[in-house]
């Protein structure tokens, strides 16, 4: 039974990527689209990057103020299959930085 619980937990971990990984995926989509470029400080800072490493993701997450303007204008927001939700994923990454550094 313990082995089954371990496998279920491992599957859940693999099914939901780390917030920084998910944020990097979403920002690559955003970087290609650039429709929201003028909405907040995240997008001009994002366009200066080609690759999103964890350090960049933490920086960009702390630029986000969770206003939601990008989400309401995004053509790839849910229910689109890309599921881009920048405010949600940035809040998750920001929460991790608060725990790690505050």
PDB file of N, CA and C in Angstrom:
ATOM      1  N   UNK A   1       0.820  -1.194   0.000  1.00  0.00           N
ATOM      2  CA  UNK A   1       0.000   0.000   0.000  1.00  0.00           C
ATOM      3  C   UNK A   1       0.866   1.260   0.000  1.00  0.00           C
ATOM      4  N   UNK A   2       1.942   1.258   0.777  1.00  0.00           N
ATOM      5  CA  UNK A   2       2.838   2.409   0.840  1.00  0.00           C
ATOM      6  C   UNK A   2       3.460   2.676  -0.527  1.00  0.00           C
ATOM      7  N   UNK A   3       3.788   1.578  -1.240  1.00  0.00           N
ATOM      8  CA  UNK A   3       4.395   1.732  -2.548  1.00  0.00           C
ATOM      9  C   UNK A   3       3.405   2.381  -3.517  1.00  0.00           C
ATOM     10  N   UNK A   4       2.142   1.992  -3.428  1.00  0.00           N
ATOM     11  CA  UNK A   4       1.114   2.579  -4.283  1.00  0.00           C
ATOM     12  C   UNK A   4       0.957   4.066  -3.986  1.00  0.00           C
ATOM     13  N   UNK A   5       0.947   4.448  -2.710  1.00  0.00           N
ATOM     14  CA  UNK A   5       0.845   5.861  -2.341  1.00  0.00           C
ATOM     15  C   UNK A   5       2.049   6.651  -2.853  1.00  0.00           C
ATOM     16  N   UNK A   6       3.231   6.038  -2.782  1.00  0.00           N
ATOM     17  CA  UNK A   6       4.435   6.683  -3.310  1.00  0.00           C
ATOM     18  C   UNK A   6       4.356   6.896  -4.809  1.00  0.00           C
ATOM     19  N   UNK A   7       3.831   5.915  -5.523  1.00  0.00           N
ATOM     20  CA  UNK A   7       3.684   6.043  -6.976  1.00  0.00           C
ATOM     21  C   UNK A   7       2.658   7.107  -7.341  1.00  0.00           C
ATOM     22  N   UNK A   8       1.573   7.171  -6.573  1.00  0.00           N
ATOM     23  CA  UNK A   8       0.553   8.195  -6.824  1.00  0.00           C
ATOM     24  C   UNK A   8       1.120   9.585  -6.583  1.00  0.00           C
ATOM     25  N   UNK A   9       1.892   9.739  -5.509  1.00  0.00           N
ATOM     26  CA  UNK A   9       2.504  11.038  -5.211  1.00  0.00           C
ATOM     27  C   UNK A   9       3.518  11.416  -6.281  1.00  0.00           C
ATOM     28  N   UNK A  10       4.303  10.458  -6.748  1.00  0.00           N
ATOM     29  CA  UNK A  10       5.282  10.723  -7.799  1.00  0.00           C
ATOM     30  C   UNK A  10       4.588  11.120  -9.097  1.00  0.00           C
ATOM     31  N   UNK A  11       3.480  10.453  -9.430  1.00  0.00           N
ATOM     32  CA  UNK A  11       2.731  10.790 -10.641  1.00  0.00           C
ATOM     33  C   UNK A  11       2.148  12.193 -10.550  1.00  0.00           C
ATOM     34  N   UNK A  12       1.656  12.558  -9.374  1.00  0.00           N
ATOM     35  CA  UNK A  12       1.106  13.907  -9.195  1.00  0.00           C
ATOM     36  C   UNK A  12       2.191  14.957  -9.343  1.00  0.00           C
ATOM     37  N   UNK A  13       3.370  14.667  -8.842  1.00  0.00           N
ATOM     38  CA  UNK A  13       4.491  15.595  -8.958  1.00  0.00           C
ATOM     39  C   UNK A  13       4.898  15.769 -10.416  1.00  0.00           C
ATOM     40  N   UNK A  14       4.942  14.681 -11.157  1.00  0.00           N
ATOM     41  CA  UNK A  14       5.322  14.754 -12.568  1.00  0.00           C
ATOM     42  C   UNK A  14       4.254  15.439 -13.411  1.00  0.00           C
ATOM     43  N   UNK A  15       2.986  15.281 -13.028  1.00  0.00           N
ATOM     44  CA  UNK A  15       1.888  15.872 -13.792  1.00  0.00           C
ATOM     45  C   UNK A  15       1.827  17.384 -13.625  1.00  0.00           C
ATOM     46  N   UNK A  16       2.242  17.886 -12.482  1.00  0.00           N
ATOM     47  CA  UNK A  16       2.206  19.326 -12.266  1.00  0.00           C
ATOM     48  C   UNK A  16       3.644  19.838 -12.182  1.00  0.00           C
ATOM     49  N   UNK A  17       4.098  20.513 -13.230  1.00  0.00           N
ATOM     50  CA  UNK A  17       5.482  20.992 -13.218  1.00  0.00           C
ATOM     51  C   UNK A  17       5.697  22.071 -12.165  1.00  0.00           C
ATOM     52  N   UNK A  18       6.960  22.298 -11.850  1.00  0.00           N
ATOM     53  CA  UNK A  18       7.307  23.353 -10.901  1.00  0.00           C
ATOM     54  C   UNK A  18       6.819  24.695 -11.433  1.00  0.00           C
ATOM     55  N   UNK A  19       6.417  25.594 -10.540  1.00  0.00           N
ATOM     56  CA  UNK A  19       5.912  26.896 -10.998  1.00  0.00           C
ATOM     57  C   UNK A  19       6.896  27.644 -11.902  1.00  0.00           C
ATOM     58  N   UNK A  20       8.191  27.550 -11.614  1.00  0.00           N
ATOM     59  CA  UNK A  20       9.165  28.246 -12.464  1.00  0.00           C
ATOM     60  C   UNK A  20       9.196  27.647 -13.869  1.00  0.00           C
ATOM     61  N   UNK A  21       9.057  26.343 -13.977  1.00  0.00           N
ATOM     62  CA  UNK A  21       9.027  25.675 -15.277  1.00  0.00           C
ATOM     63  C   UNK A  21       7.772  26.063 -16.042  1.00  0.00           C
ATOM     64  N   UNK A  22       6.643  26.076 -15.352  1.00  0.00           N
ATOM     65  CA  UNK A  22       5.386  26.460 -15.987  1.00  0.00           C
ATOM     66  C   UNK A  22       5.401  27.934 -16.388  1.00  0.00           C
ATOM     67  N   UNK A  23       5.965  28.783 -15.556  1.00  0.00           N
ATOM     68  CA  UNK A  23       6.071  30.204 -15.898  1.00  0.00           C
ATOM     69  C   UNK A  23       6.963  30.401 -17.116  1.00  0.00           C
ATOM     70  N   UNK A  24       8.051  29.656 -17.208  1.00  0.00           N
ATOM     71  CA  UNK A  24       8.931  29.759 -18.376  1.00  0.00           C
ATOM     72  C   UNK A  24       8.196  29.338 -19.638  1.00  0.00           C
ATOM     73  N   UNK A  25       7.372  28.291 -19.551  1.00  0.00           N
ATOM     74  CA  UNK A  25       6.592  27.847 -20.712  1.00  0.00           C
ATOM     75  C   UNK A  25       5.619  28.941 -21.154  1.00  0.00           C
ATOM     76  N   UNK A  26       4.934  29.524 -20.182  1.00  0.00           N
ATOM     77  CA  UNK A  26       3.968  30.568 -20.507  1.00  0.00           C
ATOM     78  C   UNK A  26       4.649  31.807 -21.072  1.00  0.00           C
ATOM     79  N   UNK A  27       5.778  32.194 -20.503  1.00  0.00           N
ATOM     80  CA  UNK A  27       6.455  33.392 -20.986  1.00  0.00           C
ATOM     81  C   UNK A  27       7.060  33.194 -22.371  1.00  0.00           C
ATOM     82  N   UNK A  28       7.390  31.970 -22.733  1.00  0.00           N
ATOM     83  CA  UNK A  28       7.842  31.725 -24.100  1.00  0.00           C
ATOM     84  C   UNK A  28       6.699  31.950 -25.072  1.00  0.00           C
ATOM     85  N   UNK A  29       5.493  31.552 -24.688  1.00  0.00           N
ATOM     86  CA  UNK A  29       4.314  31.822 -25.515  1.00  0.00           C
ATOM     87  C   UNK A  29       4.070  33.323 -25.593  1.00  0.00           C
ATOM     88  N   UNK A  30       4.151  33.995 -24.459  1.00  0.00           N
ATOM     89  CA  UNK A  30       3.952  35.451 -24.414  1.00  0.00           C
ATOM     90  C   UNK A  30       5.000  36.185 -25.249  1.00  0.00           C
ATOM     91  N   UNK A  31       6.232  35.711 -25.175  1.00  0.00           N
ATOM     92  CA  UNK A  31       7.320  36.350 -25.911  1.00  0.00           C
ATOM     93  C   UNK A  31       7.094  36.252 -27.413  1.00  0.00           C
ATOM     94  N   UNK A  32       6.456  35.185 -27.859  1.00  0.00           N
ATOM     95  CA  UNK A  32       6.157  35.036 -29.281  1.00  0.00           C
ATOM     96  C   UNK A  32       4.978  35.909 -29.689  1.00  0.00           C
ATOM     97  N   UNK A  33       4.018  36.074 -28.801  1.00  0.00           N
ATOM     98  CA  UNK A  33       2.809  36.837 -29.121  1.00  0.00           C
ATOM     99  C   UNK A  33       3.021  38.343 -28.953  1.00  0.00           C
ATOM    100  N   UNK A  34       3.440  38.745 -27.783  1.00  0.00           N
ATOM    101  CA  UNK A  34       3.705  40.146 -27.400  1.00  0.00           C
ATOM    102  C   UNK A  34       2.489  41.074 -27.485  1.00  0.00           C
ATOM    103  N   UNK A  35       1.307  40.531 -27.411  1.00  0.00           N
ATOM    104  CA  UNK A  35       0.108  41.354 -27.445  1.00  0.00           C
ATOM    105  C   UNK A  35      -0.001  42.214 -26.191  1.00  0.00           C
ATOM    106  N   UNK A  36       0.450  41.710 -25.073  1.00  0.00           N
ATOM    107  CA  UNK A  36       0.324  42.396 -23.776  1.00  0.00           C
ATOM    108  C   UNK A  36       1.535  43.243 -23.429  1.00  0.00           C
ATOM    109  N   UNK A  37       2.381  43.518 -24.367  1.00  0.00           N
ATOM    110  CA  UNK A  37       3.673  44.144 -24.096  1.00  0.00           C
ATOM    111  C   UNK A  37       3.589  45.444 -23.298  1.00  0.00           C
ATOM    112  N   UNK A  38       2.562  46.220 -23.483  1.00  0.00           N
ATOM    113  CA  UNK A  38       2.479  47.505 -22.798  1.00  0.00           C
ATOM    114  C   UNK A  38       1.697  47.502 -21.509  1.00  0.00           C
ATOM    115  N   UNK A  39       1.260  46.350 -21.033  1.00  0.00           N
ATOM    116  CA  UNK A  39       0.388  46.316 -19.862  1.00  0.00           C
ATOM    117  C   UNK A  39       1.104  46.518 -18.539  1.00  0.00           C
ATOM    118  N   UNK A  40       2.322  45.978 -18.392  1.00  0.00           N
ATOM    119  CA  UNK A  40       2.998  46.109 -17.111  1.00  0.00           C
ATOM    120  C   UNK A  40       4.502  45.938 -17.278  1.00  0.00           C
ATOM    121  N   UNK A  41       5.218  46.010 -16.180  1.00  0.00           N
ATOM    122  CA  UNK A  41       6.679  45.951 -16.207  1.00  0.00           C
ATOM    123  C   UNK A  41       7.213  44.566 -16.554  1.00  0.00           C
ATOM    124  N   UNK A  42       6.420  43.526 -16.406  1.00  0.00           N
ATOM    125  CA  UNK A  42       6.902  42.173 -16.690  1.00  0.00           C
ATOM    126  C   UNK A  42       7.222  42.009 -18.165  1.00  0.00           C
ATOM    127  N   UNK A  43       6.376  42.501 -19.028  1.00  0.00           N
ATOM    128  CA  UNK A  43       6.506  42.201 -20.453  1.00  0.00           C
ATOM    129  C   UNK A  43       7.677  42.898 -21.139  1.00  0.00           C
ATOM    130  N   UNK A  44       7.957  44.172 -20.864  1.00  0.00           N
ATOM    131  CA  UNK A  44       9.190  44.731 -21.440  1.00  0.00           C
ATOM    132  C   UNK A  44      10.447  44.038 -20.931  1.00  0.00           C
ATOM    133  N   UNK A  45      10.460  43.648 -19.663  1.00  0.00           N
ATOM    134  CA  UNK A  45      11.613  42.918 -19.114  1.00  0.00           C
ATOM    135  C   UNK A  45      11.702  41.522 -19.709  1.00  0.00           C
ATOM    136  N   UNK A  46      10.557  40.919 -20.002  1.00  0.00           N
ATOM    137  CA  UNK A  46      10.514  39.581 -20.577  1.00  0.00           C
ATOM    138  C   UNK A  46      11.051  39.563 -22.002  1.00  0.00           C
ATOM    139  N   UNK A  47      10.751  40.607 -22.765  1.00  0.00           N
ATOM    140  CA  UNK A  47      11.156  40.610 -24.175  1.00  0.00           C
ATOM    141  C   UNK A  47      12.666  40.726 -24.348  1.00  0.00           C
ATOM    142  N   UNK A  48      13.376  41.093 -23.298  1.00  0.00           N
ATOM    143  CA  UNK A  48      14.841  41.183 -23.374  1.00  0.00           C
ATOM    144  C   UNK A  48      15.516  39.834 -23.136  1.00  0.00           C
ATOM    145  N   UNK A  49      14.720  38.794 -22.935  1.00  0.00           N
ATOM    146  CA  UNK A  49      15.262  37.467 -22.643  1.00  0.00           C
ATOM    147  C   UNK A  49      14.834  36.468 -23.707  1.00  0.00           C
ATOM    148  N   UNK A  50      15.750  35.572 -24.059  1.00  0.00           N
ATOM    149  CA  UNK A  50      15.439  34.496 -24.986  1.00  0.00           C
ATOM    150  C   UNK A  50      15.180  33.207 -24.217  1.00  0.00           C
ATOM    151  N   UNK A  51      15.951  33.007 -23.160  1.00  0.00           N
ATOM    152  CA  UNK A  51      15.835  31.819 -22.323  1.00  0.00           C
ATOM    153  C   UNK A  51      15.451  32.266 -20.921  1.00  0.00           C
ATOM    154  N   UNK A  52      14.577  31.521 -20.281  1.00  0.00           N
ATOM    155  CA  UNK A  52      14.106  31.889 -18.947  1.00  0.00           C
ATOM    156  C   UNK A  52      14.646  30.899 -17.924  1.00  0.00           C
ATOM    157  N   UNK A  53      15.683  31.316 -17.212  1.00  0.00           N
ATOM    158  CA  UNK A  53      16.239  30.455 -16.169  1.00  0.00           C
ATOM    159  C   UNK A  53      15.541  30.783 -14.843  1.00  0.00           C
ATOM    160  N   UNK A  54      15.733  29.970 -13.813  1.00  0.00           N
ATOM    161  CA  UNK A  54      15.041  30.206 -12.539  1.00  0.00           C
ATOM    162  C   UNK A  54      15.303  31.585 -11.924  1.00  0.00           C
ATOM    163  N   UNK A  55      16.497  32.118 -12.076  1.00  0.00           N
ATOM    164  CA  UNK A  55      16.801  33.441 -11.525  1.00  0.00           C
ATOM    165  C   UNK A  55      15.966  34.509 -12.234  1.00  0.00           C
ATOM    166  N   UNK A  56      15.881  34.424 -13.559  1.00  0.00           N
ATOM    167  CA  UNK A  56      15.059  35.370 -14.318  1.00  0.00           C
ATOM    168  C   UNK A  56      13.589  35.236 -13.943  1.00  0.00           C
ATOM    169  N   UNK A  57      13.130  34.008 -13.732  1.00  0.00           N
ATOM    170  CA  UNK A  57      11.730  33.799 -13.383  1.00  0.00           C
ATOM    171  C   UNK A  57      11.404  34.442 -12.041  1.00  0.00           C
ATOM    172  N   UNK A  58      12.305  34.351 -11.084  1.00  0.00           N
ATOM    173  CA  UNK A  58      12.076  34.982  -9.776  1.00  0.00           C
ATOM    174  C   UNK A  58      12.031  36.500  -9.907  1.00  0.00           C
ATOM    175  N   UNK A  59      12.905  37.047 -10.731  1.00  0.00           N
ATOM    176  CA  UNK A  59      12.929  38.499 -10.957  1.00  0.00           C
ATOM    177  C   UNK A  59      11.626  38.953 -11.607  1.00  0.00           C
ATOM    178  N   UNK A  60      11.223  38.267 -12.662  1.00  0.00           N
ATOM    179  CA  UNK A  60      10.003  38.652 -13.368  1.00  0.00           C
ATOM    180  C   UNK A  60       8.772  38.475 -12.483  1.00  0.00           C
ATOM    181  N   UNK A  61       8.761  37.435 -11.663  1.00  0.00           N
ATOM    182  CA  UNK A  61       7.617  37.209 -10.772  1.00  0.00           C
ATOM    183  C   UNK A  61       7.468  38.340  -9.772  1.00  0.00           C
ATOM    184  N   UNK A  62       8.567  38.900  -9.328  1.00  0.00           N
ATOM    185  CA  UNK A  62       8.491  40.000  -8.368  1.00  0.00           C
ATOM    186  C   UNK A  62       8.198  41.336  -9.030  1.00  0.00           C
ATOM    187  N   UNK A  63       8.259  41.402 -10.363  1.00  0.00           N
ATOM    188  CA  UNK A  63       7.797  42.594 -11.073  1.00  0.00           C
ATOM    189  C   UNK A  63       6.273  42.590 -11.231  1.00  0.00           C
ATOM    190  N   UNK A  64       5.683  41.412 -11.211  1.00  0.00           N
ATOM    191  CA  UNK A  64       4.236  41.263 -11.407  1.00  0.00           C
ATOM    192  C   UNK A  64       3.487  41.725 -10.163  1.00  0.00           C
ATOM    193  N   UNK A  65       2.444  42.524 -10.361  1.00  0.00           N
ATOM    194  CA  UNK A  65       1.634  43.018  -9.246  1.00  0.00           C
ATOM    195  C   UNK A  65       0.269  42.349  -9.188  1.00  0.00           C
ATOM    196  N   UNK A  66       0.073  41.310 -10.015  1.00  0.00           N
ATOM    197  CA  UNK A  66      -1.175  40.542 -10.027  1.00  0.00           C
ATOM    198  C   UNK A  66      -2.393  41.397 -10.375  1.00  0.00           C
ATOM    199  N   UNK A  67      -2.237  42.362 -11.250  1.00  0.00           N
ATOM    200  CA  UNK A  67      -3.364  43.211 -11.623  1.00  0.00           C
ATOM    201  C   UNK A  67      -4.353  42.468 -12.519  1.00  0.00           C
ATOM    202  N   UNK A  68      -3.880  41.513 -13.307  1.00  0.00           N
ATOM    203  CA  UNK A  68      -4.756  40.716 -14.155  1.00  0.00           C
ATOM    204  C   UNK A  68      -5.042  41.303 -15.523  1.00  0.00           C
ATOM    205  N   UNK A  69      -4.470  42.448 -15.847  1.00  0.00           N
ATOM    206  CA  UNK A  69      -4.723  43.066 -17.149  1.00  0.00           C
ATOM    207  C   UNK A  69      -4.275  42.170 -18.300  1.00  0.00           C
ATOM    208  N   UNK A  70      -3.159  41.500 -18.128  1.00  0.00           N
ATOM    209  CA  UNK A  70      -2.662  40.617 -19.183  1.00  0.00           C
ATOM    210  C   UNK A  70      -3.580  39.412 -19.362  1.00  0.00           C
ATOM    211  N   UNK A  71      -4.128  38.908 -18.279  1.00  0.00           N
ATOM    212  CA  UNK A  71      -5.001  37.742 -18.354  1.00  0.00           C
ATOM    213  C   UNK A  71      -6.278  38.060 -19.112  1.00  0.00           C
ATOM    214  N   UNK A  72      -6.835  39.235 -18.877  1.00  0.00           N
ATOM    215  CA  UNK A  72      -8.094  39.607 -19.533  1.00  0.00           C
ATOM    216  C   UNK A  72      -7.900  39.886 -21.015  1.00  0.00           C
ATOM    217  N   UNK A  73      -6.707  40.277 -21.410  1.00  0.00           N
ATOM    218  CA  UNK A  73      -6.451  40.572 -22.819  1.00  0.00           C
ATOM    219  C   UNK A  73      -5.860  39.381 -23.576  1.00  0.00           C
ATOM    220  N   UNK A  74      -5.447  38.345 -22.862  1.00  0.00           N
ATOM    221  CA  UNK A  74      -4.703  37.244 -23.473  1.00  0.00           C
ATOM    222  C   UNK A  74      -5.606  36.351 -24.319  1.00  0.00           C
ATOM    223  N   UNK A  75      -5.166  36.115 -25.545  1.00  0.00           N
ATOM    224  CA  UNK A  75      -5.912  35.217 -26.419  1.00  0.00           C
ATOM    225  C   UNK A  75      -5.600  33.751 -26.144  1.00  0.00           C
ATOM    226  N   UNK A  76      -4.588  33.479 -25.325  1.00  0.00           N
ATOM    227  CA  UNK A  76      -4.212  32.109 -24.988  1.00  0.00           C
ATOM    228  C   UNK A  76      -4.589  31.718 -23.559  1.00  0.00           C
ATOM    229  N   UNK A  77      -5.377  32.554 -22.897  1.00  0.00           N
ATOM    230  CA  UNK A  77      -5.827  32.259 -21.533  1.00  0.00           C
ATOM    231  C   UNK A  77      -6.846  31.121 -21.568  1.00  0.00           C
ATOM    232  N   UNK A  78      -7.033  30.429 -20.442  1.00  0.00           N
ATOM    233  CA  UNK A  78      -8.039  29.367 -20.412  1.00  0.00           C
ATOM    234  C   UNK A  78      -9.400  29.915 -20.845  1.00  0.00           C
ATOM    235  N   UNK A  79     -10.120  29.182 -21.611  1.00  0.00           N
ATOM    236  CA  UNK A  79     -10.096  27.765 -21.897  1.00  0.00           C
ATOM    237  C   UNK A  79      -9.223  27.363 -23.104  1.00  0.00           C
ATOM    238  N   UNK A  80      -8.372  28.237 -23.596  1.00  0.00           N
ATOM    239  CA  UNK A  80      -7.470  27.846 -24.681  1.00  0.00           C
ATOM    240  C   UNK A  80      -6.567  26.720 -24.204  1.00  0.00           C
ATOM    241  N   UNK A  81      -6.165  25.858 -25.115  1.00  0.00           N
ATOM    242  CA  UNK A  81      -5.363  24.694 -24.726  1.00  0.00           C
ATOM    243  C   UNK A  81      -3.991  25.073 -24.172  1.00  0.00           C
ATOM    244  N   UNK A  82      -3.468  26.267 -24.503  1.00  0.00           N
ATOM    245  CA  UNK A  82      -2.181  26.698 -23.949  1.00  0.00           C
ATOM    246  C   UNK A  82      -2.300  27.039 -22.470  1.00  0.00           C
ATOM    247  N   UNK A  83      -3.478  27.493 -22.045  1.00  0.00           N
ATOM    248  CA  UNK A  83      -3.732  27.767 -20.632  1.00  0.00           C
ATOM    249  C   UNK A  83      -2.806  28.795 -20.011  1.00  0.00           C
ATOM    250  N   UNK A  84      -2.541  29.889 -20.713  1.00  0.00           N
ATOM    251  CA  UNK A  84      -1.636  30.918 -20.188  1.00  0.00           C
ATOM    252  C   UNK A  84      -2.372  31.747 -19.133  1.00  0.00           C
ATOM    253  N   UNK A  85      -1.856  31.706 -17.919  1.00  0.00           N
ATOM    254  CA  UNK A  85      -2.400  32.486 -16.811  1.00  0.00           C
ATOM    255  C   UNK A  85      -1.215  33.058 -16.033  1.00  0.00           C
ATOM    256  N   UNK A  86      -0.692  34.146 -16.548  1.00  0.00           N
ATOM    257  CA  UNK A  86       0.517  34.753 -15.984  1.00  0.00           C
ATOM    258  C   UNK A  86       0.330  35.189 -14.535  1.00  0.00           C
ATOM    259  N   UNK A  87      -0.770  35.865 -14.153  1.00  0.00           N
ATOM    260  CA  UNK A  87      -0.891  36.273 -12.746  1.00  0.00           C
ATOM    261  C   UNK A  87      -0.854  35.097 -11.771  1.00  0.00           C
ATOM    262  N   UNK A  88      -1.499  33.995 -12.109  1.00  0.00           N
ATOM    263  CA  UNK A  88      -1.517  32.841 -11.206  1.00  0.00           C
ATOM    264  C   UNK A  88      -0.128  32.240 -11.039  1.00  0.00           C
ATOM    265  N   UNK A  89       0.553  31.986 -12.144  1.00  0.00           N
ATOM    266  CA  UNK A  89       1.858  31.327 -12.060  1.00  0.00           C
ATOM    267  C   UNK A  89       2.910  32.262 -11.459  1.00  0.00           C
ATOM    268  N   UNK A  90       2.807  33.551 -11.726  1.00  0.00           N
ATOM    269  CA  UNK A  90       3.745  34.496 -11.118  1.00  0.00           C
ATOM    270  C   UNK A  90       3.522  34.584  -9.609  1.00  0.00           C
ATOM    271  N   UNK A  91       2.272  34.480  -9.169  1.00  0.00           N
ATOM    272  CA  UNK A  91       1.994  34.479  -7.728  1.00  0.00           C
ATOM    273  C   UNK A  91       2.597  33.241  -7.064  1.00  0.00           C
ATOM    274  N   UNK A  92       2.543  32.107  -7.758  1.00  0.00           N
ATOM    275  CA  UNK A  92       3.144  30.896  -7.202  1.00  0.00           C
ATOM    276  C   UNK A  92       4.659  31.045  -7.076  1.00  0.00           C
ATOM    277  N   UNK A  93       5.292  31.561  -8.124  1.00  0.00           N
ATOM    278  CA  UNK A  93       6.748  31.742  -8.089  1.00  0.00           C
ATOM    279  C   UNK A  93       7.117  32.776  -7.034  1.00  0.00           C
ATOM    280  N   UNK A  94       6.351  33.858  -6.969  1.00  0.00           N
ATOM    281  CA  UNK A  94       6.612  34.910  -5.983  1.00  0.00           C
ATOM    282  C   UNK A  94       6.478  34.355  -4.569  1.00  0.00           C
ATOM    283  N   UNK A  95       5.485  33.504  -4.346  1.00  0.00           N
ATOM    284  CA  UNK A  95       5.314  32.875  -3.035  1.00  0.00           C
ATOM    285  C   UNK A  95       6.520  32.036  -2.654  1.00  0.00           C
ATOM    286  N   UNK A  96       7.071  31.321  -3.633  1.00  0.00           N
ATOM    287  CA  UNK A  96       8.274  30.535  -3.363  1.00  0.00           C
ATOM    288  C   UNK A  96       9.456  31.431  -3.010  1.00  0.00           C
ATOM    289  N   UNK A  97       9.566  32.581  -3.662  1.00  0.00           N
ATOM    290  CA  UNK A  97      10.682  33.486  -3.345  1.00  0.00           C
ATOM    291  C   UNK A  97      10.516  34.082  -1.951  1.00  0.00           C
ATOM    292  N   UNK A  98       9.267  34.360  -1.550  1.00  0.00           N
ATOM    293  CA  UNK A  98       9.041  34.885  -0.208  1.00  0.00           C
ATOM    294  C   UNK A  98       9.459  33.861   0.844  1.00  0.00           C
ATOM    295  N   UNK A  99       9.123  32.600   0.610  1.00  0.00           N
ATOM    296  CA  UNK A  99       9.477  31.550   1.555  1.00  0.00           C
ATOM    297  C   UNK A  99      10.995  31.376   1.613  1.00  0.00           C
ATOM    298  N   UNK A 100      11.632  31.426   0.446  1.00  0.00           N
ATOM    299  CA  UNK A 100      13.083  31.168   0.382  1.00  0.00           C
ATOM    300  C   UNK A 100      13.913  32.346   0.880  1.00  0.00           C
ATOM    301  N   UNK A 101      13.469  33.574   0.623  1.00  0.00           N
ATOM    302  CA  UNK A 101      14.332  34.725   0.886  1.00  0.00           C
ATOM    303  C   UNK A 101      13.846  35.660   1.979  1.00  0.00           C
ATOM    304  N   UNK A 102      12.605  35.574   2.390  1.00  0.00           N
ATOM    305  CA  UNK A 102      12.097  36.523   3.400  1.00  0.00           C
ATOM    306  C   UNK A 102      12.202  35.960   4.793  1.00  0.00           C
TER     307      UNK A 102
END
